[in-house]
N, C-alpha and C. Protein backbone atom coordinates (compact mmCIF):
# COMPACT_ATOMS: atom_id res chain seq x y z
N MET A 1 194.03 88.41 -176.09
CA MET A 1 193.05 89.12 -175.29
C MET A 1 191.66 88.59 -175.55
N GLY A 2 191.04 88.66 -176.64
CA GLY A 2 189.82 88.04 -177.05
C GLY A 2 188.61 88.15 -176.13
N SER A 3 188.73 88.02 -174.82
CA SER A 3 187.59 88.01 -173.91
C SER A 3 187.34 89.40 -173.34
N SER A 4 186.07 89.73 -173.17
CA SER A 4 185.73 91.02 -172.59
C SER A 4 185.39 90.91 -171.11
N SER A 5 185.50 89.71 -170.53
CA SER A 5 185.21 89.54 -169.11
C SER A 5 186.47 89.59 -168.30
N ASN A 6 186.38 90.14 -167.08
CA ASN A 6 187.51 90.14 -166.18
C ASN A 6 187.42 88.93 -165.26
N GLU A 7 188.34 88.82 -164.30
CA GLU A 7 188.35 87.63 -163.45
C GLU A 7 187.14 87.54 -162.54
N ASN A 8 186.36 88.59 -162.38
CA ASN A 8 185.16 88.56 -161.55
C ASN A 8 183.93 88.16 -162.35
N GLY A 9 184.08 87.86 -163.64
CA GLY A 9 182.96 87.49 -164.46
C GLY A 9 182.17 88.66 -164.98
N ALA A 10 182.68 89.87 -164.80
CA ALA A 10 181.99 91.07 -165.27
C ALA A 10 182.54 91.46 -166.63
N SER A 11 181.78 92.25 -167.34
CA SER A 11 182.24 92.73 -168.63
C SER A 11 183.37 93.73 -168.43
N SER A 12 183.97 94.12 -169.50
CA SER A 12 185.11 95.03 -169.47
C SER A 12 184.74 96.34 -168.79
N PRO A 13 185.64 96.90 -167.96
CA PRO A 13 185.34 98.17 -167.30
C PRO A 13 185.19 99.33 -168.28
N ARG A 14 185.59 99.13 -169.54
CA ARG A 14 185.42 100.18 -170.55
C ARG A 14 183.97 100.33 -170.95
N GLU A 15 183.17 99.31 -170.75
CA GLU A 15 181.76 99.38 -171.12
C GLU A 15 181.01 100.32 -170.18
N LYS A 16 180.05 101.04 -170.74
CA LYS A 16 179.28 101.99 -169.94
C LYS A 16 178.49 101.29 -168.84
N TYR A 17 177.88 100.16 -169.17
CA TYR A 17 177.12 99.40 -168.20
C TYR A 17 177.70 97.99 -168.13
N PRO A 18 178.10 97.56 -166.93
CA PRO A 18 178.68 96.22 -166.80
C PRO A 18 177.62 95.15 -167.01
N TYR A 19 178.07 93.97 -167.34
CA TYR A 19 177.18 92.83 -167.54
C TYR A 19 177.84 91.59 -166.97
N PRO A 20 177.75 91.40 -165.64
CA PRO A 20 178.35 90.21 -165.03
C PRO A 20 177.61 88.96 -165.48
N THR A 21 178.35 87.92 -165.79
CA THR A 21 177.72 86.74 -166.38
C THR A 21 177.87 85.46 -165.58
N GLU A 22 178.74 85.42 -164.62
CA GLU A 22 179.07 84.16 -163.97
C GLU A 22 178.48 84.00 -162.58
N PHE A 23 177.31 84.55 -162.31
CA PHE A 23 176.78 84.51 -160.96
C PHE A 23 175.37 83.96 -160.93
N ASN A 24 175.09 83.16 -159.90
CA ASN A 24 173.75 82.69 -159.64
C ASN A 24 173.22 83.47 -158.44
N VAL A 25 172.26 84.32 -158.66
CA VAL A 25 171.75 85.19 -157.61
C VAL A 25 171.26 84.39 -156.41
N LEU A 26 170.74 83.19 -156.63
CA LEU A 26 170.21 82.40 -155.52
C LEU A 26 171.30 81.88 -154.59
N ASP A 27 172.56 81.91 -155.04
CA ASP A 27 173.67 81.57 -154.15
C ASP A 27 173.91 82.69 -153.14
N PHE A 28 173.54 83.91 -153.48
CA PHE A 28 173.77 85.07 -152.63
C PHE A 28 172.52 85.55 -151.91
N VAL A 29 171.37 85.30 -152.50
CA VAL A 29 170.07 85.67 -151.92
C VAL A 29 169.25 84.39 -151.82
N PRO A 30 169.54 83.55 -150.82
CA PRO A 30 168.97 82.20 -150.78
C PRO A 30 167.49 82.12 -150.43
N LYS A 31 166.95 83.13 -149.77
CA LYS A 31 165.53 83.10 -149.40
C LYS A 31 164.74 83.97 -150.36
N LEU A 32 163.68 83.39 -150.93
CA LEU A 32 162.82 84.16 -151.82
C LEU A 32 162.08 85.22 -151.03
N PHE A 33 161.88 86.38 -151.68
CA PHE A 33 161.12 87.45 -151.05
C PHE A 33 159.67 87.02 -150.92
N SER A 34 159.17 87.09 -149.71
CA SER A 34 157.77 86.81 -149.44
C SER A 34 157.33 87.75 -148.32
N GLU A 35 156.05 87.75 -148.03
CA GLU A 35 155.57 88.61 -146.95
C GLU A 35 156.31 88.25 -145.67
N GLY A 36 156.85 89.25 -145.01
CA GLY A 36 157.50 89.02 -143.73
C GLY A 36 159.02 89.04 -143.76
N ASN A 37 159.64 88.96 -144.94
CA ASN A 37 161.11 88.97 -144.96
C ASN A 37 161.68 90.05 -145.88
N TYR A 38 160.91 91.09 -146.13
CA TYR A 38 161.33 92.13 -147.07
C TYR A 38 162.66 92.76 -146.68
N ASN A 39 162.83 93.15 -145.43
CA ASN A 39 164.06 93.86 -145.04
C ASN A 39 165.30 93.02 -145.26
N ASN A 40 165.27 91.75 -144.87
CA ASN A 40 166.43 90.88 -145.10
C ASN A 40 166.67 90.66 -146.59
N TRP A 41 165.59 90.40 -147.34
CA TRP A 41 165.72 90.20 -148.79
C TRP A 41 166.30 91.44 -149.45
N LYS A 42 165.80 92.61 -149.07
CA LYS A 42 166.26 93.87 -149.67
C LYS A 42 167.75 94.08 -149.43
N LEU A 43 168.22 93.87 -148.21
CA LEU A 43 169.64 94.05 -147.91
C LEU A 43 170.52 93.09 -148.72
N LEU A 44 170.13 91.82 -148.78
CA LEU A 44 170.90 90.84 -149.55
C LEU A 44 170.89 91.19 -151.04
N MET A 45 169.73 91.58 -151.55
CA MET A 45 169.60 91.90 -152.97
C MET A 45 170.42 93.13 -153.33
N GLN A 46 170.34 94.17 -152.51
CA GLN A 46 171.12 95.38 -152.77
C GLN A 46 172.61 95.09 -152.72
N ASP A 47 173.05 94.32 -151.75
CA ASP A 47 174.47 93.97 -151.66
C ASP A 47 174.92 93.20 -152.90
N PHE A 48 174.11 92.23 -153.32
CA PHE A 48 174.44 91.44 -154.51
C PHE A 48 174.57 92.33 -155.74
N ILE A 49 173.59 93.21 -155.95
CA ILE A 49 173.59 94.08 -157.13
C ILE A 49 174.73 95.10 -157.04
N ARG A 50 174.98 95.64 -155.85
CA ARG A 50 176.07 96.59 -155.66
C ARG A 50 177.43 95.94 -155.97
N MET A 51 177.63 94.70 -155.52
CA MET A 51 178.89 94.00 -155.78
C MET A 51 179.12 93.77 -157.27
N ARG A 52 178.06 93.77 -158.05
CA ARG A 52 178.17 93.56 -159.50
C ARG A 52 178.28 94.87 -160.26
N GLY A 53 178.29 96.00 -159.54
CA GLY A 53 178.44 97.30 -160.18
C GLY A 53 177.19 97.79 -160.88
N LEU A 54 176.03 97.29 -160.48
CA LEU A 54 174.78 97.63 -161.17
C LEU A 54 173.74 98.28 -160.28
N ILE A 55 174.14 98.81 -159.14
CA ILE A 55 173.19 99.39 -158.19
C ILE A 55 172.42 100.56 -158.79
N GLY A 56 172.99 101.25 -159.76
CA GLY A 56 172.32 102.37 -160.41
C GLY A 56 171.03 101.98 -161.10
N PHE A 57 170.89 100.70 -161.44
CA PHE A 57 169.67 100.25 -162.11
C PHE A 57 168.48 100.16 -161.16
N ILE A 58 168.73 100.02 -159.86
CA ILE A 58 167.61 100.04 -158.92
C ILE A 58 167.49 101.37 -158.21
N GLU A 59 168.56 102.14 -158.20
CA GLU A 59 168.52 103.47 -157.59
C GLU A 59 168.07 104.54 -158.58
N GLY A 60 168.06 104.20 -159.86
CA GLY A 60 167.64 105.14 -160.88
C GLY A 60 168.73 106.05 -161.39
N THR A 61 169.99 105.78 -161.04
CA THR A 61 171.10 106.63 -161.49
C THR A 61 171.74 106.14 -162.78
N ALA A 62 171.37 104.96 -163.25
CA ALA A 62 171.86 104.46 -164.54
C ALA A 62 170.83 104.88 -165.59
N ALA A 63 171.03 106.06 -166.14
CA ALA A 63 170.04 106.65 -167.05
C ALA A 63 170.06 105.98 -168.41
N GLU A 64 168.87 105.66 -168.90
CA GLU A 64 168.73 105.06 -170.23
C GLU A 64 168.92 106.14 -171.29
N GLU A 65 169.61 105.79 -172.33
CA GLU A 65 169.80 106.72 -173.45
C GLU A 65 168.46 106.94 -174.16
N LEU A 66 168.29 108.09 -174.77
CA LEU A 66 167.03 108.42 -175.44
C LEU A 66 166.67 107.44 -176.54
N ASN A 67 167.64 107.00 -177.32
CA ASN A 67 167.36 106.12 -178.45
C ASN A 67 167.38 104.65 -178.07
N GLY A 68 167.44 104.33 -176.80
CA GLY A 68 167.48 102.94 -176.37
C GLY A 68 168.88 102.39 -176.52
N ASP A 69 169.59 102.33 -175.46
CA ASP A 69 170.97 101.87 -175.43
C ASP A 69 170.98 100.36 -175.21
N GLU A 70 171.55 99.60 -176.13
CA GLU A 70 171.56 98.15 -176.03
C GLU A 70 172.24 97.67 -174.75
N ALA A 71 173.36 98.29 -174.37
CA ALA A 71 174.07 97.90 -173.15
C ALA A 71 173.20 98.18 -171.92
N TRP A 72 172.50 99.32 -171.91
CA TRP A 72 171.62 99.64 -170.78
C TRP A 72 170.50 98.61 -170.70
N ASN A 73 169.87 98.32 -171.82
CA ASN A 73 168.77 97.34 -171.84
C ASN A 73 169.24 95.98 -171.35
N ARG A 74 170.40 95.56 -171.79
CA ARG A 74 170.94 94.26 -171.41
C ARG A 74 171.17 94.20 -169.90
N SER A 75 171.80 95.22 -169.34
CA SER A 75 172.07 95.23 -167.90
C SER A 75 170.79 95.40 -167.09
N ASN A 76 169.87 96.24 -167.56
CA ASN A 76 168.58 96.39 -166.88
C ASN A 76 167.84 95.06 -166.84
N ASN A 77 167.81 94.35 -167.96
CA ASN A 77 167.13 93.07 -168.01
C ASN A 77 167.79 92.04 -167.10
N LEU A 78 169.10 92.09 -166.98
CA LEU A 78 169.82 91.19 -166.09
C LEU A 78 169.41 91.44 -164.64
N VAL A 79 169.44 92.70 -164.21
CA VAL A 79 169.06 93.05 -162.83
C VAL A 79 167.59 92.71 -162.60
N ARG A 80 166.74 93.03 -163.55
CA ARG A 80 165.32 92.71 -163.45
C ARG A 80 165.12 91.21 -163.28
N GLY A 81 165.86 90.43 -164.05
CA GLY A 81 165.78 88.97 -163.94
C GLY A 81 166.23 88.47 -162.58
N TRP A 82 167.32 89.05 -162.06
CA TRP A 82 167.79 88.67 -160.73
C TRP A 82 166.71 88.91 -159.69
N ILE A 83 166.05 90.06 -159.79
CA ILE A 83 165.01 90.39 -158.82
C ILE A 83 163.83 89.43 -158.97
N LEU A 84 163.38 89.22 -160.19
CA LEU A 84 162.21 88.36 -160.42
C LEU A 84 162.43 86.94 -159.93
N VAL A 85 163.62 86.40 -160.14
CA VAL A 85 163.88 85.02 -159.75
C VAL A 85 163.94 84.86 -158.23
N THR A 86 164.09 85.96 -157.50
CA THR A 86 164.14 85.88 -156.03
C THR A 86 162.81 86.22 -155.38
N LEU A 87 161.76 86.35 -156.17
CA LEU A 87 160.44 86.64 -155.63
C LEU A 87 159.64 85.35 -155.48
N SER A 88 158.82 85.29 -154.44
CA SER A 88 157.98 84.11 -154.25
C SER A 88 156.92 84.04 -155.34
N GLU A 89 156.35 82.86 -155.50
CA GLU A 89 155.31 82.66 -156.52
C GLU A 89 154.08 83.52 -156.26
N ASP A 90 153.87 83.93 -155.02
CA ASP A 90 152.73 84.79 -154.69
C ASP A 90 152.97 86.23 -155.12
N ILE A 91 154.21 86.69 -155.07
CA ILE A 91 154.54 88.08 -155.35
C ILE A 91 154.89 88.31 -156.82
N ARG A 92 155.60 87.39 -157.44
CA ARG A 92 156.09 87.57 -158.81
C ARG A 92 155.01 88.00 -159.80
N PRO A 93 153.83 87.38 -159.84
CA PRO A 93 152.83 87.80 -160.82
C PRO A 93 152.38 89.25 -160.67
N GLN A 94 152.49 89.80 -159.47
CA GLN A 94 152.06 91.17 -159.23
C GLN A 94 152.97 92.20 -159.87
N VAL A 95 154.23 91.83 -160.15
CA VAL A 95 155.20 92.80 -160.68
C VAL A 95 155.79 92.39 -162.03
N LEU A 96 155.37 91.28 -162.55
CA LEU A 96 155.95 90.74 -163.78
C LEU A 96 155.87 91.69 -164.96
N SER A 97 154.87 92.54 -165.01
CA SER A 97 154.71 93.45 -166.15
C SER A 97 155.61 94.69 -166.07
N LEU A 98 156.24 94.93 -164.93
CA LEU A 98 157.13 96.09 -164.80
C LEU A 98 158.39 95.85 -165.62
N GLU A 99 158.78 96.84 -166.42
CA GLU A 99 159.86 96.63 -167.38
C GLU A 99 161.24 97.06 -166.91
N SER A 100 161.32 97.87 -165.87
CA SER A 100 162.65 98.30 -165.43
C SER A 100 162.96 97.74 -164.05
N ALA A 101 164.23 97.52 -163.80
CA ALA A 101 164.67 97.04 -162.49
C ALA A 101 164.29 98.04 -161.42
N LYS A 102 164.38 99.32 -161.72
CA LYS A 102 164.03 100.37 -160.75
C LYS A 102 162.56 100.27 -160.35
N ASP A 103 161.68 100.01 -161.30
CA ASP A 103 160.25 99.91 -161.01
C ASP A 103 159.91 98.72 -160.12
N LEU A 104 160.72 97.68 -160.22
CA LEU A 104 160.49 96.52 -159.36
C LEU A 104 160.80 96.87 -157.92
């Protein structure tokens, strides 16, 4: 057994927060978010995150534990990174300081 990933590249379903590892977000969201394409970018981004089982991190339903849950932080940072990498160079600096995927 040894591996905690399933055939979809996601962490074990036993984990509270999944952590998919084998995906390049730019393969699924090929156009960077810039002024004028928000609606298309949003739909693609939500679909990508939903397919990975992490939509709660942008909807706010994946609640962080009071003492700081390592699995929550790891998955939040993953979703945050996916969002940041799909932002144009003009937009990214405006939101870089936001720490949660939901805030982005």
